[in-house]
Amino acid sequence: MRIGSNPEKINKDIDINAYHRVIIPVYIPNFEGYFSELLEVFKLCLDSLLKTVHNETRITIFNNNSHPLVKEYIDSKYLESNILDQVFHSKENLGKVNAILASSQGNLEPLITITDADVLFKSGWQKAVEDVYSGFPEAGMVSPVPSPLAYNNLTANNWAYALSKGKLFFEPVSDKLALERFDASLGNDTKMYEPIHLNNFLILKNKKRDTEAVMGCGHFVATLRREIFDKGTSEPAFIKVSNGVETKFIDVPNESLGFLRLATKDNYAFHMGNNTEEWMFDEFKVLKETDTNLPKGISKINLPKPNSSFQLFIGKIISRLISKNLFRKMYFKKLGMNSDY
């Protein structure tokens, strides 16, 4: 029998004290082979994140059935930090995407950063990302790690935007070493970036706001508008981890909803991989605590309507043309790139 009335029915509105959430899925089942150093990598990731976020941020960790020592570490950090306000422990490994979907659906912040557990954050990453959103209110996905090869990866809205509101041009890379470190962190036998990619980025400019960002981005660390999770898909993911499943649930919804896909011009985070290196600890040592007094205007990000379906259609046509070698060479030459990019 119920006695009395639930007082929460009177105070039914939910007030949130933050506008930016960070979600970290973690899977470290043991400390052997591939996973031997991942706990140390994860510690660098989380500590660098806690040190570099502003006070209107909240962090969610989704533990995908990791080793008990990993769970113990996560719980200890949860007790230490007010910023880290959510921890979910699953007794099954539900995969990266399901962890992200489950965490995002239960939160209300307009900006949601998703990050792998092997990312080392640099000071200023959050302001740099939010500045891109302020300069490009039509953005739906912004990474603090620029990639010279992401310019035509589900960026149809970017191409359409460049025709109507923006301008495209090439600009020298500001941090070649960061690109080289990212390439090395992937552990591939063949390098992903050619020398030309280490020297130049394709830049999109908002002519009205005089703001610039790198065309396209990856998804190992990126800040998304929450609409991508609200309206993107209601399906679960039945694959634990692969580029294809992340593309389906993260990248494709961003494009289909009409949002831009961008990255900061400077590098503000590193992909560490599954092993620690001395430079990672050196980078961590120079991190500065983020000023909790936010720059004026940053906390209220204007998120207008995205591109229309017609603009998306036009952008997809341009994107298909750019994928053709001859057209790309001719167009990029017009933008100032005389070498094969």
Foldseek 3Di string as FASTA:
>chain_A
DDDDDDPCVVVVDDDAQAQEEEEEEDAQADLDDQNVQQLVLLVLAVVQVQQADAPRYAYEYEYAQHHPVSVVVVVVVCVVDPRDPYYHYDNHRQADVLSVLVVLVVDDRQKYKYAYSRKRFAHPLVVLQLVVCQQFLLAFKEALADFQPFQLPLFLLLQLCCVPFKPKAKDFQPCLPQQVQQQVQVVDPDGPDDPVRSTIFIWIAGVVSRDIFGHADDRNIMMGGSVLSVPVDPDGDPDRDDSVVCCNSPSVSCSVQAGGGTYGRHRGMHRRHNDDDPVSVVSSVPHHGHDNPDDPPSRDRDRDGHDDPVSSVNSVVVSVQCVDQVSVCVVNVVSPDNDRD
